[in-house]
N, C-alpha and C. Protein backbone atom coordinates (compact mmCIF):
# COMPACT_ATOMS: atom_id res chain seq x y z
N MET A 1 96.86 123.53 81.23
CA MET A 1 96.59 122.14 81.57
C MET A 1 96.83 121.23 80.38
N THR A 2 96.51 121.72 79.17
CA THR A 2 96.72 120.90 77.97
C THR A 2 98.20 120.65 77.75
N GLU A 3 99.01 121.70 77.97
CA GLU A 3 100.46 121.54 77.79
C GLU A 3 101.02 120.57 78.83
N LEU A 4 100.51 120.63 80.05
CA LEU A 4 100.97 119.72 81.10
C LEU A 4 100.62 118.28 80.74
N GLY A 5 99.40 118.07 80.25
CA GLY A 5 99.00 116.72 79.85
C GLY A 5 99.84 116.20 78.72
N THR A 6 100.18 117.07 77.78
CA THR A 6 101.03 116.65 76.66
C THR A 6 102.42 116.30 77.13
N THR A 7 102.92 117.06 78.09
CA THR A 7 104.27 116.80 78.62
C THR A 7 104.30 115.47 79.37
N LEU A 8 103.30 115.23 80.22
CA LEU A 8 103.25 113.98 80.96
C LEU A 8 103.09 112.79 80.03
N ALA A 9 102.28 112.97 79.00
CA ALA A 9 102.07 111.87 78.06
C ALA A 9 103.33 111.50 77.31
N SER A 10 104.25 112.48 77.18
CA SER A 10 105.50 112.20 76.47
C SER A 10 106.50 111.44 77.34
N ILE A 11 106.26 111.36 78.63
CA ILE A 11 107.15 110.62 79.53
C ILE A 11 106.85 109.13 79.39
N PRO A 12 107.86 108.29 79.11
CA PRO A 12 107.59 106.85 78.88
C PRO A 12 106.85 106.18 80.03
N LEU A 13 107.25 106.47 81.28
CA LEU A 13 106.62 105.82 82.41
C LEU A 13 105.15 106.20 82.51
N PHE A 14 104.87 107.48 82.35
CA PHE A 14 103.48 107.92 82.40
C PHE A 14 102.67 107.31 81.27
N ALA A 15 103.28 107.22 80.09
CA ALA A 15 102.58 106.62 78.96
C ALA A 15 102.27 105.15 79.21
N MET A 16 103.19 104.44 79.85
CA MET A 16 102.94 103.04 80.18
C MET A 16 101.79 102.90 81.17
N ILE A 17 101.76 103.78 82.16
CA ILE A 17 100.67 103.73 83.14
C ILE A 17 99.34 104.05 82.46
N ARG A 18 99.35 105.04 81.58
CA ARG A 18 98.13 105.43 80.88
C ARG A 18 97.63 104.30 79.98
N ASP A 19 98.54 103.66 79.26
CA ASP A 19 98.14 102.60 78.33
C ASP A 19 97.70 101.34 79.07
N GLY A 20 98.19 101.13 80.29
CA GLY A 20 97.85 99.92 81.02
C GLY A 20 96.46 99.90 81.60
N GLY A 21 95.79 101.03 81.64
CA GLY A 21 94.44 101.06 82.14
C GLY A 21 94.37 101.31 83.64
N TRP A 22 93.18 101.09 84.20
CA TRP A 22 92.96 101.44 85.61
C TRP A 22 93.76 100.55 86.56
N THR A 23 94.05 99.32 86.16
CA THR A 23 94.86 98.46 87.03
C THR A 23 96.29 99.00 87.17
N MET A 24 96.79 99.60 86.09
CA MET A 24 98.13 100.18 86.17
C MET A 24 98.16 101.37 87.11
N TRP A 25 97.08 102.13 87.14
CA TRP A 25 97.02 103.25 88.07
C TRP A 25 97.02 102.75 89.52
N LEU A 26 96.30 101.66 89.76
CA LEU A 26 96.30 101.08 91.10
C LEU A 26 97.69 100.56 91.48
N ILE A 27 98.36 99.92 90.53
CA ILE A 27 99.71 99.41 90.80
C ILE A 27 100.66 100.57 91.05
N ALA A 28 100.50 101.65 90.28
CA ALA A 28 101.35 102.83 90.50
C ALA A 28 101.11 103.41 91.89
N ALA A 29 99.84 103.44 92.32
CA ALA A 29 99.54 103.93 93.67
C ALA A 29 100.17 103.03 94.73
N LEU A 30 100.14 101.71 94.50
CA LEU A 30 100.77 100.78 95.44
C LEU A 30 102.28 101.01 95.52
N SER A 31 102.89 101.35 94.39
CA SER A 31 104.34 101.60 94.40
C SER A 31 104.68 102.82 95.24
N VAL A 32 103.83 103.85 95.16
CA VAL A 32 104.06 105.04 95.98
C VAL A 32 103.88 104.71 97.46
N ILE A 33 102.82 103.94 97.77
CA ILE A 33 102.58 103.54 99.16
C ILE A 33 103.74 102.68 99.67
N LEU A 34 104.24 101.79 98.82
CA LEU A 34 105.37 100.93 99.21
C LEU A 34 106.58 101.77 99.59
N LEU A 35 106.91 102.74 98.76
CA LEU A 35 108.06 103.60 99.04
C LEU A 35 107.87 104.35 100.34
N ALA A 36 106.66 104.87 100.56
CA ALA A 36 106.39 105.62 101.79
C ALA A 36 106.49 104.72 103.01
N VAL A 37 105.96 103.50 102.93
CA VAL A 37 106.01 102.59 104.07
C VAL A 37 107.44 102.19 104.39
N VAL A 38 108.24 101.91 103.36
CA VAL A 38 109.63 101.50 103.59
C VAL A 38 110.43 102.63 104.24
N LEU A 39 110.28 103.85 103.73
CA LEU A 39 111.00 104.98 104.32
C LEU A 39 110.55 105.23 105.75
N TRP A 40 109.22 105.16 105.99
CA TRP A 40 108.71 105.35 107.35
C TRP A 40 109.23 104.26 108.27
N LYS A 41 109.29 103.03 107.78
CA LYS A 41 109.71 101.91 108.61
C LYS A 41 111.19 102.03 108.97
N VAL A 42 112.02 102.42 108.03
CA VAL A 42 113.44 102.60 108.32
C VAL A 42 113.62 103.69 109.38
N LEU A 43 112.90 104.80 109.22
CA LEU A 43 112.99 105.89 110.20
C LEU A 43 112.49 105.44 111.57
N SER A 44 111.39 104.66 111.57
CA SER A 44 110.84 104.17 112.83
C SER A 44 111.80 103.24 113.56
N LEU A 45 112.43 102.35 112.81
CA LEU A 45 113.40 101.43 113.43
C LEU A 45 114.63 102.17 113.92
N TRP A 46 115.03 103.19 113.17
CA TRP A 46 116.19 103.98 113.61
C TRP A 46 115.88 104.71 114.91
N ARG A 47 114.67 105.27 115.01
CA ARG A 47 114.28 105.93 116.25
C ARG A 47 114.15 104.94 117.40
N LEU A 48 113.74 103.72 117.08
CA LEU A 48 113.61 102.69 118.10
C LEU A 48 114.97 102.16 118.55
N GLY A 49 115.99 102.46 117.78
CA GLY A 49 117.34 102.07 118.16
C GLY A 49 117.62 100.59 118.00
N VAL A 50 117.04 99.96 116.98
CA VAL A 50 117.23 98.52 116.83
C VAL A 50 118.65 98.17 116.39
N TRP A 51 119.38 99.14 115.87
CA TRP A 51 120.76 98.87 115.46
C TRP A 51 121.77 99.26 116.54
N GLY A 52 121.26 99.63 117.71
CA GLY A 52 122.15 99.98 118.82
C GLY A 52 122.29 98.82 119.79
N GLY A 53 122.83 99.12 120.96
CA GLY A 53 123.00 98.09 121.97
C GLY A 53 124.24 98.25 122.82
N ARG A 54 125.02 99.29 122.55
CA ARG A 54 126.27 99.48 123.29
C ARG A 54 126.02 99.72 124.77
N HIS A 55 125.03 100.55 125.09
CA HIS A 55 124.77 100.86 126.49
C HIS A 55 124.19 99.66 127.24
N SER A 56 123.36 98.89 126.57
CA SER A 56 122.78 97.71 127.24
C SER A 56 123.86 96.67 127.52
N ARG A 57 124.80 96.51 126.61
CA ARG A 57 125.90 95.56 126.87
C ARG A 57 126.78 96.03 128.02
N ARG A 58 127.04 97.33 128.07
CA ARG A 58 127.84 97.87 129.16
C ARG A 58 127.10 97.72 130.49
N ALA A 59 125.78 97.90 130.47
CA ALA A 59 124.99 97.73 131.69
C ALA A 59 125.06 96.30 132.19
N LEU A 60 125.05 95.34 131.29
CA LEU A 60 125.15 93.94 131.70
C LEU A 60 126.52 93.65 132.31
N GLU A 61 127.56 94.26 131.78
CA GLU A 61 128.89 94.07 132.36
C GLU A 61 128.93 94.60 133.79
N LEU A 62 128.38 95.80 134.00
CA LEU A 62 128.34 96.37 135.34
C LEU A 62 127.46 95.54 136.27
N TRP A 63 126.36 95.04 135.76
CA TRP A 63 125.45 94.21 136.55
C TRP A 63 126.15 92.92 136.99
N ALA A 64 126.92 92.33 136.07
CA ALA A 64 127.65 91.10 136.40
C ALA A 64 128.74 91.36 137.42
N GLN A 65 129.30 92.59 137.42
CA GLN A 65 130.34 92.92 138.38
C GLN A 65 129.78 93.30 139.74
N GLY A 66 128.45 93.41 139.83
CA GLY A 66 127.82 93.75 141.09
C GLY A 66 127.55 95.23 141.28
N ASP A 67 127.95 96.05 140.30
CA ASP A 67 127.72 97.49 140.40
C ASP A 67 126.33 97.78 139.81
N ARG A 68 125.30 97.54 140.57
CA ARG A 68 123.94 97.52 140.05
C ARG A 68 123.39 98.92 139.80
N ARG A 69 123.69 99.86 140.63
CA ARG A 69 123.22 101.22 140.41
C ARG A 69 123.85 101.81 139.15
N ALA A 70 125.14 101.56 138.97
CA ALA A 70 125.80 102.04 137.76
C ALA A 70 125.24 101.38 136.52
N ALA A 71 124.86 100.12 136.65
CA ALA A 71 124.25 99.42 135.52
C ALA A 71 122.93 100.05 135.14
N LEU A 72 122.13 100.41 136.14
CA LEU A 72 120.85 101.06 135.86
C LEU A 72 121.05 102.44 135.26
N ASP A 73 122.02 103.19 135.77
CA ASP A 73 122.30 104.52 135.22
C ASP A 73 122.76 104.45 133.77
N GLN A 74 123.38 103.35 133.41
CA GLN A 74 123.90 103.20 132.05
C GLN A 74 122.77 103.17 131.00
N VAL A 75 121.61 102.65 131.37
CA VAL A 75 120.51 102.53 130.41
C VAL A 75 119.32 103.42 130.76
N ARG A 76 119.40 104.13 131.85
CA ARG A 76 118.27 104.95 132.26
C ARG A 76 117.99 106.05 131.24
N GLY A 77 116.77 106.10 130.74
CA GLY A 77 116.37 107.15 129.80
C GLY A 77 116.85 106.94 128.37
N ARG A 78 117.51 105.84 128.10
CA ARG A 78 117.98 105.58 126.73
C ARG A 78 116.81 105.18 125.84
N PRO A 79 116.75 105.70 124.59
CA PRO A 79 115.60 105.42 123.73
C PRO A 79 115.66 104.09 123.00
N SER A 80 116.80 103.42 123.00
CA SER A 80 116.92 102.20 122.21
C SER A 80 116.09 101.08 122.80
N ALA A 81 115.68 100.16 121.93
CA ALA A 81 114.81 99.06 122.36
C ALA A 81 115.49 98.18 123.40
N ARG A 82 116.74 97.84 123.17
CA ARG A 82 117.46 96.96 124.10
C ARG A 82 117.66 97.64 125.45
N ALA A 83 117.96 98.93 125.43
CA ALA A 83 118.17 99.66 126.69
C ALA A 83 116.89 99.72 127.49
N ARG A 84 115.74 99.86 126.83
CA ARG A 84 114.47 99.91 127.55
C ARG A 84 114.19 98.61 128.29
N VAL A 85 114.44 97.51 127.62
CA VAL A 85 114.17 96.22 128.25
C VAL A 85 115.16 95.96 129.38
N VAL A 86 116.42 96.29 129.19
CA VAL A 86 117.42 96.11 130.25
C VAL A 86 117.09 97.01 131.43
N GLN A 87 116.65 98.24 131.14
CA GLN A 87 116.26 99.13 132.22
C GLN A 87 115.08 98.58 133.00
N ALA A 88 114.11 98.01 132.29
CA ALA A 88 112.96 97.40 132.98
C ALA A 88 113.40 96.22 133.84
N ALA A 89 114.29 95.38 133.30
CA ALA A 89 114.73 94.21 134.05
C ALA A 89 115.54 94.60 135.29
N ILE A 90 116.47 95.53 135.12
CA ILE A 90 117.31 95.95 136.25
C ILE A 90 116.49 96.76 137.25
N GLY A 91 115.66 97.68 136.72
CA GLY A 91 114.87 98.53 137.61
C GLY A 91 113.92 97.74 138.49
N THR A 92 113.24 96.77 137.92
CA THR A 92 112.33 95.95 138.73
C THR A 92 113.09 95.03 139.67
N SER A 93 114.30 94.63 139.28
CA SER A 93 115.10 93.78 140.16
C SER A 93 115.57 94.53 141.39
N LEU A 94 115.81 95.83 141.23
CA LEU A 94 116.27 96.64 142.35
C LEU A 94 115.13 97.20 143.19
N ASP A 95 113.93 97.18 142.64
CA ASP A 95 112.78 97.73 143.35
C ASP A 95 112.20 96.68 144.29
N PRO A 96 112.18 96.94 145.59
CA PRO A 96 111.65 95.94 146.54
C PRO A 96 110.15 95.68 146.38
N ALA A 97 109.46 96.56 145.64
CA ALA A 97 108.03 96.36 145.44
C ALA A 97 107.74 95.22 144.46
N PHE A 98 108.76 94.81 143.71
CA PHE A 98 108.60 93.74 142.72
C PHE A 98 109.26 92.47 143.23
N ASP A 99 108.48 91.41 143.30
CA ASP A 99 109.11 90.12 143.56
C ASP A 99 109.61 89.56 142.23
N ASP A 100 110.16 88.36 142.25
CA ASP A 100 110.76 87.79 141.04
C ASP A 100 109.74 87.64 139.92
N GLN A 101 108.56 87.14 140.24
CA GLN A 101 107.54 86.91 139.22
C GLN A 101 107.05 88.23 138.64
N ALA A 102 106.80 89.21 139.50
CA ALA A 102 106.33 90.51 139.02
C ALA A 102 107.38 91.21 138.18
N ALA A 103 108.65 91.09 138.56
CA ALA A 103 109.73 91.71 137.78
C ALA A 103 109.81 91.10 136.38
N ARG A 104 109.68 89.80 136.31
CA ARG A 104 109.73 89.14 135.00
C ARG A 104 108.53 89.53 134.13
N GLU A 105 107.36 89.62 134.73
CA GLU A 105 106.16 89.99 133.97
C GLU A 105 106.25 91.42 133.46
N GLU A 106 106.74 92.33 134.29
CA GLU A 106 106.87 93.71 133.86
C GLU A 106 107.90 93.84 132.73
N THR A 107 109.00 93.11 132.85
CA THR A 107 110.01 93.13 131.79
C THR A 107 109.45 92.54 130.50
N ALA A 108 108.68 91.47 130.61
CA ALA A 108 108.06 90.87 129.43
C ALA A 108 107.07 91.83 128.78
N ARG A 109 106.35 92.60 129.59
CA ARG A 109 105.40 93.57 129.04
C ARG A 109 106.12 94.64 128.22
N VAL A 110 107.22 95.16 128.75
CA VAL A 110 108.00 96.17 128.04
C VAL A 110 108.57 95.59 126.75
N ALA A 111 109.03 94.35 126.82
CA ALA A 111 109.59 93.70 125.63
C ALA A 111 108.51 93.50 124.56
N ARG A 112 107.32 93.10 124.97
CA ARG A 112 106.23 92.92 124.00
C ARG A 112 105.87 94.22 123.32
N GLN A 113 105.80 95.30 124.06
CA GLN A 113 105.50 96.60 123.46
C GLN A 113 106.58 97.02 122.47
N THR A 114 107.82 96.76 122.84
CA THR A 114 108.93 97.12 121.96
C THR A 114 108.89 96.30 120.67
N LEU A 115 108.62 95.02 120.80
CA LEU A 115 108.54 94.17 119.61
C LEU A 115 107.37 94.55 118.73
N TYR A 116 106.25 94.93 119.35
CA TYR A 116 105.10 95.38 118.57
C TYR A 116 105.45 96.60 117.73
N ARG A 117 106.16 97.54 118.33
CA ARG A 117 106.58 98.73 117.58
C ARG A 117 107.53 98.38 116.45
N SER A 118 108.39 97.39 116.66
CA SER A 118 109.33 97.00 115.61
C SER A 118 108.64 96.31 114.45
N ARG A 119 107.42 95.79 114.66
CA ARG A 119 106.71 95.06 113.61
C ARG A 119 105.57 95.85 112.99
N GLU A 120 105.42 97.10 113.39
CA GLU A 120 104.39 97.94 112.79
C GLU A 120 104.68 98.13 111.30
N GLY A 121 103.64 98.07 110.50
CA GLY A 121 103.79 98.30 109.07
C GLY A 121 104.08 97.07 108.25
N LEU A 122 104.42 95.95 108.90
CA LEU A 122 104.74 94.74 108.14
C LEU A 122 103.52 94.16 107.45
N ARG A 123 102.35 94.34 108.04
CA ARG A 123 101.12 93.86 107.40
C ARG A 123 100.88 94.58 106.08
N ALA A 124 101.17 95.88 106.07
CA ALA A 124 100.98 96.66 104.85
C ALA A 124 101.91 96.16 103.74
N LEU A 125 103.15 95.87 104.09
CA LEU A 125 104.09 95.35 103.09
C LEU A 125 103.64 93.98 102.59
N GLU A 126 103.15 93.15 103.49
CA GLU A 126 102.66 91.83 103.10
C GLU A 126 101.47 91.95 102.16
N LEU A 127 100.59 92.90 102.45
CA LEU A 127 99.41 93.11 101.61
C LEU A 127 99.81 93.59 100.22
N ILE A 128 100.77 94.51 100.16
CA ILE A 128 101.22 95.01 98.86
C ILE A 128 101.87 93.90 98.06
N ALA A 129 102.70 93.08 98.71
CA ALA A 129 103.37 91.98 98.01
C ALA A 129 102.36 90.96 97.48
N THR A 130 101.21 90.86 98.13
CA THR A 130 100.19 89.90 97.70
C THR A 130 99.29 90.49 96.62
N ILE A 131 98.88 91.74 96.78
CA ILE A 131 97.90 92.34 95.88
C ILE A 131 98.51 92.76 94.55
N ALA A 132 99.72 93.30 94.57
CA ALA A 132 100.31 93.86 93.34
C ALA A 132 100.35 92.86 92.18
N PRO A 133 100.87 91.63 92.36
CA PRO A 133 100.87 90.70 91.22
C PRO A 133 99.46 90.27 90.81
N LEU A 134 98.54 90.22 91.77
CA LEU A 134 97.16 89.87 91.43
C LEU A 134 96.51 90.96 90.59
N LEU A 135 96.78 92.22 90.92
CA LEU A 135 96.28 93.31 90.10
C LEU A 135 96.89 93.27 88.70
N GLY A 136 98.18 92.95 88.63
CA GLY A 136 98.83 92.83 87.33
C GLY A 136 98.21 91.73 86.50
N LEU A 137 97.93 90.60 87.13
CA LEU A 137 97.31 89.49 86.41
C LEU A 137 95.89 89.85 85.97
N LEU A 138 95.16 90.56 86.84
CA LEU A 138 93.82 90.99 86.47
C LEU A 138 93.86 91.92 85.26
N GLY A 139 94.80 92.85 85.27
CA GLY A 139 94.92 93.75 84.13
C GLY A 139 95.26 93.01 82.85
N THR A 140 96.11 92.00 82.96
CA THR A 140 96.47 91.21 81.77
C THR A 140 95.26 90.45 81.24
N VAL A 141 94.50 89.84 82.13
CA VAL A 141 93.32 89.09 81.70
C VAL A 141 92.31 90.01 81.03
N LEU A 142 92.06 91.17 81.63
CA LEU A 142 91.12 92.11 81.03
C LEU A 142 91.62 92.61 79.69
N GLY A 143 92.93 92.85 79.60
CA GLY A 143 93.50 93.29 78.32
C GLY A 143 93.40 92.23 77.24
N MET A 144 93.63 90.99 77.62
CA MET A 144 93.53 89.89 76.65
C MET A 144 92.09 89.72 76.19
N ILE A 145 91.14 89.88 77.11
CA ILE A 145 89.74 89.79 76.72
C ILE A 145 89.40 90.87 75.69
N SER A 146 89.86 92.10 75.96
CA SER A 146 89.59 93.20 75.02
C SER A 146 90.25 92.94 73.68
N ALA A 147 91.48 92.41 73.70
CA ALA A 147 92.18 92.16 72.44
C ALA A 147 91.46 91.11 71.60
N PHE A 148 91.00 90.08 72.23
CA PHE A 148 90.31 89.02 71.48
C PHE A 148 88.90 89.44 71.07
N GLN A 149 88.30 90.37 71.81
CA GLN A 149 87.02 90.92 71.36
C GLN A 149 87.20 91.72 70.08
N VAL A 150 88.30 92.47 70.02
CA VAL A 150 88.60 93.21 68.79
C VAL A 150 88.85 92.25 67.65
N LEU A 151 89.55 91.16 67.92
CA LEU A 151 89.81 90.17 66.88
C LEU A 151 88.51 89.53 66.38
N GLN A 152 87.61 89.25 67.31
CA GLN A 152 86.34 88.65 66.91
C GLN A 152 85.49 89.63 66.10
N THR A 153 85.51 90.89 66.48
CA THR A 153 84.70 91.89 65.77
C THR A 153 85.25 92.14 64.37
N SER A 154 86.58 92.15 64.25
CA SER A 154 87.19 92.45 62.95
C SER A 154 87.07 91.30 61.98
N GLY A 155 87.01 90.09 62.49
CA GLY A 155 86.89 88.93 61.62
C GLY A 155 88.12 88.74 60.75
N ASN A 156 87.91 88.53 59.46
CA ASN A 156 89.03 88.29 58.55
C ASN A 156 89.85 89.54 58.28
N GLN A 157 89.31 90.71 58.63
CA GLN A 157 90.02 91.95 58.37
C GLN A 157 90.88 92.40 59.54
N ALA A 158 91.04 91.56 60.55
CA ALA A 158 91.83 91.92 61.74
C ALA A 158 93.28 92.13 61.38
N ASP A 159 93.86 93.16 61.92
CA ASP A 159 95.26 93.48 61.70
C ASP A 159 96.08 92.81 62.81
N PRO A 160 96.99 91.89 62.49
CA PRO A 160 97.78 91.21 63.52
C PRO A 160 98.59 92.18 64.38
N SER A 161 99.02 93.29 63.80
CA SER A 161 99.81 94.25 64.57
C SER A 161 98.97 94.89 65.67
N ASP A 162 97.69 95.14 65.38
CA ASP A 162 96.81 95.69 66.42
C ASP A 162 96.61 94.69 67.54
N LEU A 163 96.44 93.41 67.17
CA LEU A 163 96.27 92.38 68.18
C LEU A 163 97.53 92.24 69.04
N ALA A 164 98.70 92.27 68.40
CA ALA A 164 99.96 92.17 69.14
C ALA A 164 100.14 93.36 70.07
N GLY A 165 99.74 94.55 69.60
CA GLY A 165 99.85 95.73 70.45
C GLY A 165 98.95 95.64 71.66
N GLY A 166 97.74 95.10 71.49
CA GLY A 166 96.84 94.94 72.61
C GLY A 166 97.36 93.94 73.62
N ILE A 167 97.94 92.85 73.14
CA ILE A 167 98.50 91.84 74.05
C ILE A 167 99.70 92.41 74.80
N TRP A 168 100.52 93.19 74.11
CA TRP A 168 101.69 93.80 74.75
C TRP A 168 101.28 94.72 75.89
N VAL A 169 100.25 95.51 75.65
CA VAL A 169 99.76 96.41 76.70
C VAL A 169 99.19 95.61 77.86
N ALA A 170 98.51 94.50 77.53
CA ALA A 170 97.92 93.67 78.58
C ALA A 170 99.00 93.05 79.45
N LEU A 171 100.06 92.55 78.84
CA LEU A 171 101.13 91.93 79.61
C LEU A 171 101.91 92.94 80.43
N LEU A 172 101.79 94.21 80.08
CA LEU A 172 102.51 95.25 80.80
C LEU A 172 102.08 95.31 82.25
N THR A 173 100.82 95.07 82.53
CA THR A 173 100.34 95.15 83.90
C THR A 173 100.92 94.03 84.77
N THR A 174 101.10 92.85 84.20
CA THR A 174 101.71 91.76 84.96
C THR A 174 103.14 92.10 85.35
N ALA A 175 103.88 92.65 84.39
CA ALA A 175 105.26 93.04 84.67
C ALA A 175 105.31 94.13 85.75
N ALA A 176 104.38 95.09 85.66
CA ALA A 176 104.36 96.17 86.65
C ALA A 176 104.02 95.63 88.04
N GLY A 177 103.04 94.71 88.09
CA GLY A 177 102.68 94.13 89.38
C GLY A 177 103.83 93.38 90.02
N MET A 178 104.57 92.63 89.23
CA MET A 178 105.72 91.91 89.77
C MET A 178 106.82 92.87 90.17
N ALA A 179 106.97 93.97 89.42
CA ALA A 179 108.00 94.95 89.76
C ALA A 179 107.73 95.62 91.09
N VAL A 180 106.48 95.69 91.50
CA VAL A 180 106.14 96.25 92.82
C VAL A 180 106.19 95.17 93.89
N ALA A 181 105.74 93.96 93.56
CA ALA A 181 105.65 92.89 94.56
C ALA A 181 107.04 92.42 95.00
N ILE A 182 107.99 92.36 94.09
CA ILE A 182 109.32 91.84 94.44
C ILE A 182 110.02 92.72 95.49
N PRO A 183 110.11 94.05 95.29
CA PRO A 183 110.71 94.88 96.34
C PRO A 183 109.95 94.83 97.65
N ALA A 184 108.60 94.72 97.55
CA ALA A 184 107.80 94.63 98.78
C ALA A 184 108.15 93.37 99.55
N GLY A 185 108.30 92.25 98.84
CA GLY A 185 108.67 91.00 99.51
C GLY A 185 110.06 91.05 100.11
N VAL A 186 111.00 91.68 99.40
CA VAL A 186 112.36 91.81 99.92
C VAL A 186 112.37 92.68 101.17
N ALA A 187 111.66 93.81 101.13
CA ALA A 187 111.60 94.70 102.29
C ALA A 187 110.94 94.00 103.48
N LEU A 188 109.88 93.24 103.20
CA LEU A 188 109.20 92.52 104.27
C LEU A 188 110.13 91.51 104.94
N SER A 189 110.87 90.76 104.15
CA SER A 189 111.81 89.78 104.71
C SER A 189 112.90 90.46 105.53
N TRP A 190 113.39 91.58 105.04
CA TRP A 190 114.44 92.31 105.75
C TRP A 190 113.94 92.82 107.10
N PHE A 191 112.77 93.45 107.11
CA PHE A 191 112.23 93.98 108.37
C PHE A 191 111.87 92.86 109.33
N GLU A 192 111.38 91.75 108.82
CA GLU A 192 111.08 90.60 109.69
C GLU A 192 112.35 90.04 110.32
N SER A 193 113.43 90.00 109.54
CA SER A 193 114.70 89.51 110.11
C SER A 193 115.21 90.43 111.20
N ILE A 194 115.00 91.74 111.03
CA ILE A 194 115.41 92.70 112.07
C ILE A 194 114.60 92.48 113.34
N SER A 195 113.28 92.28 113.19
CA SER A 195 112.42 92.05 114.35
C SER A 195 112.77 90.73 115.04
N ASP A 196 113.06 89.70 114.25
CA ASP A 196 113.43 88.41 114.84
C ASP A 196 114.74 88.52 115.62
N ARG A 197 115.69 89.24 115.05
CA ARG A 197 116.97 89.44 115.75
C ARG A 197 116.77 90.24 117.03
N LEU A 198 115.91 91.25 116.96
CA LEU A 198 115.63 92.06 118.14
C LEU A 198 114.97 91.22 119.23
N GLN A 199 114.02 90.39 118.85
CA GLN A 199 113.35 89.53 119.82
C GLN A 199 114.34 88.60 120.51
N SER A 200 115.24 88.01 119.73
CA SER A 200 116.25 87.13 120.31
C SER A 200 117.15 87.88 121.28
N ASP A 201 117.56 89.09 120.90
CA ASP A 201 118.43 89.88 121.77
C ASP A 201 117.73 90.29 123.06
N LEU A 202 116.46 90.68 122.95
CA LEU A 202 115.72 91.10 124.15
C LEU A 202 115.56 89.94 125.12
N GLU A 203 115.25 88.76 124.59
CA GLU A 203 115.14 87.59 125.46
C GLU A 203 116.47 87.27 126.13
N ASP A 204 117.56 87.38 125.38
CA ASP A 204 118.87 87.09 125.93
C ASP A 204 119.26 88.10 127.01
N LEU A 205 119.02 89.38 126.75
CA LEU A 205 119.39 90.41 127.72
C LEU A 205 118.60 90.26 129.02
N ALA A 206 117.29 90.08 128.89
CA ALA A 206 116.47 89.95 130.10
C ALA A 206 116.86 88.70 130.89
N THR A 207 117.11 87.60 130.19
CA THR A 207 117.51 86.37 130.87
C THR A 207 118.82 86.54 131.62
N ARG A 208 119.78 87.21 131.02
CA ARG A 208 121.07 87.41 131.67
C ARG A 208 120.94 88.28 132.92
N VAL A 209 120.05 89.28 132.87
CA VAL A 209 119.84 90.11 134.05
C VAL A 209 119.28 89.28 135.20
N PHE A 210 118.25 88.48 134.92
CA PHE A 210 117.60 87.72 135.99
C PHE A 210 118.46 86.55 136.47
N VAL A 211 119.28 86.00 135.57
CA VAL A 211 120.19 84.94 136.00
C VAL A 211 121.20 85.50 136.99
N LYS A 212 121.76 86.67 136.70
CA LYS A 212 122.71 87.29 137.62
C LYS A 212 122.04 87.69 138.91
N ARG A 213 120.78 88.11 138.81
CA ARG A 213 120.05 88.50 140.01
C ARG A 213 119.85 87.28 140.93
N ASP A 214 119.48 86.16 140.34
CA ASP A 214 119.25 84.96 141.13
C ASP A 214 120.55 84.35 141.64
N ALA A 215 121.65 84.62 140.90
CA ALA A 215 122.92 84.02 141.29
C ALA A 215 123.52 84.69 142.52
N ALA A 216 123.23 85.98 142.73
CA ALA A 216 123.83 86.71 143.85
C ALA A 216 123.38 86.15 145.21
N PRO A 217 122.07 85.98 145.45
CA PRO A 217 121.68 85.38 146.73
C PRO A 217 122.21 83.97 146.91
N ALA A 218 122.28 83.23 145.82
CA ALA A 218 122.79 81.86 145.92
C ALA A 218 124.25 81.86 146.36
N ARG A 219 125.04 82.76 145.82
CA ARG A 219 126.45 82.85 146.23
C ARG A 219 126.56 83.26 147.69
N ALA A 220 125.66 84.19 148.09
CA ALA A 220 125.71 84.64 149.49
C ALA A 220 125.40 83.49 150.44
N ARG A 221 124.43 82.66 150.08
CA ARG A 221 124.09 81.52 150.93
C ARG A 221 125.22 80.51 151.00
N LEU A 222 125.90 80.32 149.87
CA LEU A 222 127.03 79.38 149.86
C LEU A 222 128.15 79.89 150.75
N LEU A 223 128.41 81.22 150.70
CA LEU A 223 129.49 81.77 151.54
C LEU A 223 129.13 81.67 153.02
N GLN A 224 127.85 81.91 153.35
CA GLN A 224 127.44 81.77 154.74
C GLN A 224 127.56 80.33 155.21
N ALA A 225 127.22 79.40 154.34
CA ALA A 225 127.32 77.97 154.72
C ALA A 225 128.78 77.57 154.91
N ALA A 226 129.68 78.14 154.08
CA ALA A 226 131.10 77.80 154.20
C ALA A 226 131.69 78.33 155.48
N GLU A 227 131.17 79.51 155.92
CA GLU A 227 131.70 80.09 157.16
C GLU A 227 131.23 79.26 158.37
């Protein structure tokens, strides 16, 4: 164990965390949590299929052409977010048990669940982006207090190099906090933009399904009136 401690202490990063005090350990823990959340979020979005959409677009083409069963088969059982919403919209439109209002409500319910899944974990990223710089600032303030206490105790015999070293260690926590907060903020903005784009696409897909659904009876009535 002694050899392991000596080896870790010789690593610059570990030495910086050790010298920064307990706030640096908290910031280091936040950095590990940040990495885990980002990796989990990317995997979650990939499984949700937020970067897909080929089958849902093909289903809309078939729906517009009037081939409604083929349109439903195109998205049936597909795991992507867009395919689920299109399947809900088309499936309820073809089901006689659903009137127009019920079909729209069921589609909206599926869309809300999908959007909720796409936004899971964003609160954690927001919290890390907020807390990390505050912890860094707290560590700096505590370090500065300790440095000036040493200066007060030493009086005229204070060594300026010791004071400078204490301030340097204190400022280290601020830098570490910002180093964690900046990637957290970038990741948060990126994931939010993906969710916003997904929301826009889901609204567009569902609207196009119901517009085509409402347009078919209207065309039929016009043809009957013309005859």
